[in-house]
Amino acid sequence: MTAKVSYESGLVTTSVHLRSGTIIQTDAPTDNGGTGSKFSPTDLVASALASCMLTLMALCAKGHDFALGHIECEVEKIMVPAPRRIGEVRIAMKLSGPHQYSDRERALLEHAALTCPVLESLHPDLKKSVQFIWP
């Protein structure tokens, strides 16, 4: 088992990662009756995509023995109605730091990001827009 998830009250859930004990709480977004005081479940899906991409990029850099500088992702989740779902996730990935990436390293990192397990698991109708902003 990976986690235990429970409903608390007021549209809040608590997830406990069983191996580490890490806790994540969610709340419904304001446009769906929540307070917006925490990540919503769909926010976590969009954020998990960026986290997965970054993890795969780090593994790629390590495996090919080159440095990976700081990367910051701006994540935008766009909801659509009928049925209510995530219609698009936009990620602007800003790479910074002293390292100048070669064309080969850029290609390896982009490939790693665009083949991460979360991306591969999302429905094909969900639009995924990823922008790499290189130093």
C-alpha atoms as a PDB file:
ATOM      1  CA  MET A   1       0.000   0.000   0.000  1.00  0.00           C
ATOM      2  CA  THR A   2       1.259   3.484  -0.895  1.00  0.00           C
ATOM      3  CA  ALA A   3      -0.958   5.817   1.114  1.00  0.00           C
ATOM      4  CA  LYS A   4      -3.989   6.189   3.311  1.00  0.00           C
ATOM      5  CA  VAL A   5      -6.402   8.950   2.331  1.00  0.00           C
ATOM      6  CA  SER A   6      -9.215  10.140   4.549  1.00  0.00           C
ATOM      7  CA  TYR A   7     -11.961  12.744   4.399  1.00  0.00           C
ATOM      8  CA  GLU A   8     -11.703  15.187   7.280  1.00  0.00           C
ATOM      9  CA  SER A   9     -14.496  17.776   6.958  1.00  0.00           C
ATOM     10  CA  GLY A  10     -15.309  20.890   4.983  1.00  0.00           C
ATOM     11  CA  LEU A  11     -14.064  19.349   1.687  1.00  0.00           C
ATOM     12  CA  VAL A  12     -10.594  18.669   3.142  1.00  0.00           C
ATOM     13  CA  THR A  13      -8.818  15.340   2.679  1.00  0.00           C
ATOM     14  CA  THR A  14      -5.617  14.100   4.289  1.00  0.00           C
ATOM     15  CA  SER A  15      -3.204  11.750   2.525  1.00  0.00           C
ATOM     16  CA  VAL A  16      -0.455   9.999   4.471  1.00  0.00           C
ATOM     17  CA  HIS A  17       2.459   8.463   2.583  1.00  0.00           C
ATOM     18  CA  LEU A  18       2.954   5.225   4.501  1.00  0.00           C
ATOM     19  CA  ARG A  19       6.699   4.784   3.986  1.00  0.00           C
ATOM     20  CA  SER A  20       7.719   8.314   5.020  1.00  0.00           C
ATOM     21  CA  GLY A  21       4.774   9.593   7.026  1.00  0.00           C
ATOM     22  CA  THR A  22       4.586  12.702   4.833  1.00  0.00           C
ATOM     23  CA  ILE A  23       1.168  14.338   4.932  1.00  0.00           C
ATOM     24  CA  ILE A  24      -0.596  16.220   2.134  1.00  0.00           C
ATOM     25  CA  GLN A  25      -3.959  17.871   2.623  1.00  0.00           C
ATOM     26  CA  THR A  26      -6.287  19.002  -0.153  1.00  0.00           C
ATOM     27  CA  ASP A  27      -9.253  21.328  -0.302  1.00  0.00           C
ATOM     28  CA  ALA A  28     -11.751  21.892  -3.068  1.00  0.00           C
ATOM     29  CA  PRO A  29     -11.019  24.980  -5.191  1.00  0.00           C
ATOM     30  CA  THR A  30     -13.069  28.131  -4.552  1.00  0.00           C
ATOM     31  CA  ASP A  31     -14.998  27.705  -7.806  1.00  0.00           C
ATOM     32  CA  ASN A  32     -16.170  24.319  -6.560  1.00  0.00           C
ATOM     33  CA  GLY A  33     -17.186  25.214  -3.012  1.00  0.00           C
ATOM     34  CA  GLY A  34     -13.857  24.997  -1.218  1.00  0.00           C
ATOM     35  CA  THR A  35     -11.807  27.635   0.527  1.00  0.00           C
ATOM     36  CA  GLY A  36      -8.820  27.313  -1.804  1.00  0.00           C
ATOM     37  CA  SER A  37      -6.560  27.192   1.269  1.00  0.00           C
ATOM     38  CA  LYS A  38      -4.704  24.090   0.077  1.00  0.00           C
ATOM     39  CA  PHE A  39      -3.841  22.348  -3.150  1.00  0.00           C
ATOM     40  CA  SER A  40      -6.912  20.859  -4.808  1.00  0.00           C
ATOM     41  CA  PRO A  41      -6.662  17.261  -6.053  1.00  0.00           C
ATOM     42  CA  THR A  42      -6.428  18.541  -9.637  1.00  0.00           C
ATOM     43  CA  ASP A  43      -3.689  21.008  -8.581  1.00  0.00           C
ATOM     44  CA  LEU A  44      -1.742  17.991  -7.334  1.00  0.00           C
ATOM     45  CA  VAL A  45      -2.132  16.243 -10.697  1.00  0.00           C
ATOM     46  CA  ALA A  46      -0.676  19.267 -12.517  1.00  0.00           C
ATOM     47  CA  SER A  47       2.084  19.702  -9.921  1.00  0.00           C
ATOM     48  CA  ALA A  48       2.871  15.980 -10.004  1.00  0.00           C
ATOM     49  CA  LEU A  49       3.462  16.265 -13.745  1.00  0.00           C
ATOM     50  CA  ALA A  50       6.070  19.001 -13.226  1.00  0.00           C
ATOM     51  CA  SER A  51       7.670  17.093 -10.327  1.00  0.00           C
ATOM     52  CA  CYS A  52       7.892  13.926 -12.387  1.00  0.00           C
ATOM     53  CA  MET A  53       9.458  15.781 -15.309  1.00  0.00           C
ATOM     54  CA  LEU A  54      12.072  17.341 -13.023  1.00  0.00           C
ATOM     55  CA  THR A  55      12.859  13.995 -11.426  1.00  0.00           C
ATOM     56  CA  LEU A  56      13.376  12.343 -14.817  1.00  0.00           C
ATOM     57  CA  MET A  57      15.579  15.232 -15.944  1.00  0.00           C
ATOM     58  CA  ALA A  58      17.724  14.866 -12.808  1.00  0.00           C
ATOM     59  CA  LEU A  59      18.035  11.119 -13.389  1.00  0.00           C
ATOM     60  CA  CYS A  60      18.979  11.781 -17.014  1.00  0.00           C
ATOM     61  CA  ALA A  61      21.686  14.303 -16.094  1.00  0.00           C
ATOM     62  CA  LYS A  62      23.083  11.936 -13.463  1.00  0.00           C
ATOM     63  CA  GLY A  63      23.073   9.009 -15.904  1.00  0.00           C
ATOM     64  CA  HIS A  64      24.858  11.041 -18.577  1.00  0.00           C
ATOM     65  CA  ASP A  65      27.260  12.596 -16.054  1.00  0.00           C
ATOM     66  CA  PHE A  66      26.510  16.282 -16.467  1.00  0.00           C
ATOM     67  CA  ALA A  67      25.393  18.928 -13.998  1.00  0.00           C
ATOM     68  CA  LEU A  68      21.787  19.962 -13.744  1.00  0.00           C
ATOM     69  CA  GLY A  69      21.340  23.554 -12.653  1.00  0.00           C
ATOM     70  CA  HIS A  70      18.358  25.031 -10.861  1.00  0.00           C
ATOM     71  CA  ILE A  71      15.007  24.499 -12.587  1.00  0.00           C
ATOM     72  CA  GLU A  72      11.777  26.199 -11.657  1.00  0.00           C
ATOM     73  CA  CYS A  73       8.438  25.328 -13.214  1.00  0.00           C
ATOM     74  CA  GLU A  74       5.451  27.604 -13.482  1.00  0.00           C
ATOM     75  CA  VAL A  75       2.422  25.325 -13.630  1.00  0.00           C
ATOM     76  CA  GLU A  76      -0.992  26.395 -14.883  1.00  0.00           C
ATOM     77  CA  LYS A  77      -3.991  24.083 -14.745  1.00  0.00           C
ATOM     78  CA  ILE A  78      -7.004  24.893 -16.882  1.00  0.00           C
ATOM     79  CA  MET A  79     -10.309  23.266 -16.025  1.00  0.00           C
ATOM     80  CA  VAL A  80     -13.080  22.600 -18.543  1.00  0.00           C
ATOM     81  CA  PRO A  81     -16.761  21.775 -17.936  1.00  0.00           C
ATOM     82  CA  ALA A  82     -19.057  18.898 -18.908  1.00  0.00           C
ATOM     83  CA  PRO A  83     -17.645  16.774 -17.476  1.00  0.00           C
ATOM     84  CA  ARG A  84     -15.570  18.950 -15.123  1.00  0.00           C
ATOM     85  CA  ARG A  85     -11.965  17.910 -15.634  1.00  0.00           C
ATOM     86  CA  ILE A  86      -8.480  19.203 -16.339  1.00  0.00           C
ATOM     87  CA  GLY A  87      -8.482  20.333 -19.972  1.00  0.00           C
ATOM     88  CA  GLU A  88      -4.925  21.584 -20.172  1.00  0.00           C
ATOM     89  CA  VAL A  89      -1.747  21.766 -18.125  1.00  0.00           C
ATOM     90  CA  ARG A  90       0.795  24.405 -19.108  1.00  0.00           C
ATOM     91  CA  ILE A  91       4.316  24.168 -17.766  1.00  0.00           C
ATOM     92  CA  ALA A  92       6.990  26.816 -18.305  1.00  0.00           C
ATOM     93  CA  MET A  93      10.271  25.247 -17.259  1.00  0.00           C
ATOM     94  CA  LYS A  94      12.991  27.819 -16.504  1.00  0.00           C
ATOM     95  CA  LEU A  95      16.483  26.397 -16.303  1.00  0.00           C
ATOM     96  CA  SER A  96      19.153  28.568 -14.707  1.00  0.00           C
ATOM     97  CA  GLY A  97      22.583  28.396 -13.203  1.00  0.00           C
ATOM     98  CA  PRO A  98      26.129  28.609 -14.465  1.00  0.00           C
ATOM     99  CA  HIS A  99      25.906  25.495 -16.642  1.00  0.00           C
ATOM    100  CA  GLN A 100      25.551  26.046 -20.379  1.00  0.00           C
ATOM    101  CA  TYR A 101      23.786  23.023 -21.840  1.00  0.00           C
ATOM    102  CA  SER A 102      25.003  21.524 -25.094  1.00  0.00           C
ATOM    103  CA  ASP A 103      22.508  20.714 -27.837  1.00  0.00           C
ATOM    104  CA  ARG A 104      22.849  17.032 -26.911  1.00  0.00           C
ATOM    105  CA  GLU A 105      22.171  17.708 -23.215  1.00  0.00           C
ATOM    106  CA  ARG A 106      19.140  19.832 -24.066  1.00  0.00           C
ATOM    107  CA  ALA A 107      17.745  17.084 -26.287  1.00  0.00           C
ATOM    108  CA  LEU A 108      18.342  14.455 -23.588  1.00  0.00           C
ATOM    109  CA  LEU A 109      16.671  16.560 -20.894  1.00  0.00           C
ATOM    110  CA  GLU A 110      13.671  17.456 -23.029  1.00  0.00           C
ATOM    111  CA  HIS A 111      13.209  13.814 -24.013  1.00  0.00           C
ATOM    112  CA  ALA A 112      13.420  12.738 -20.366  1.00  0.00           C
ATOM    113  CA  ALA A 113      10.817  15.303 -19.319  1.00  0.00           C
ATOM    114  CA  LEU A 114       8.442  14.478 -22.151  1.00  0.00           C
ATOM    115  CA  THR A 115       8.522  10.737 -21.438  1.00  0.00           C
ATOM    116  CA  CYS A 116       7.949  10.839 -17.673  1.00  0.00           C
ATOM    117  CA  PRO A 117       5.514   8.287 -16.223  1.00  0.00           C
ATOM    118  CA  VAL A 118       2.959  10.890 -15.119  1.00  0.00           C
ATOM    119  CA  LEU A 119       2.808  12.392 -18.603  1.00  0.00           C
ATOM    120  CA  GLU A 120       2.461   8.918 -20.098  1.00  0.00           C
ATOM    121  CA  SER A 121      -0.368   8.151 -17.635  1.00  0.00           C
ATOM    122  CA  LEU A 122      -2.522  11.197 -18.386  1.00  0.00           C
ATOM    123  CA  HIS A 123      -5.444  10.895 -20.786  1.00  0.00           C
ATOM    124  CA  PRO A 124      -4.511  11.656 -24.406  1.00  0.00           C
ATOM    125  CA  ASP A 125      -7.303  14.263 -24.654  1.00  0.00           C
ATOM    126  CA  LEU A 126      -5.699  16.332 -21.897  1.00  0.00           C
ATOM    127  CA  LYS A 127      -3.612  19.028 -23.590  1.00  0.00           C
ATOM    128  CA  LYS A 128      -0.074  19.237 -22.226  1.00  0.00           C
ATOM    129  CA  SER A 129       1.907  22.354 -23.145  1.00  0.00           C
ATOM    130  CA  VAL A 130       5.534  22.356 -22.041  1.00  0.00           C
ATOM    131  CA  GLN A 131       7.930  25.207 -22.688  1.00  0.00           C
ATOM    132  CA  PHE A 132      11.644  24.875 -21.958  1.00  0.00           C
ATOM    133  CA  ILE A 133      13.347  28.192 -21.245  1.00  0.00           C
ATOM    134  CA  TRP A 134      17.104  27.687 -21.485  1.00  0.00           C
ATOM    135  CA  PRO A 135      19.726  30.050 -19.998  1.00  0.00           C
END
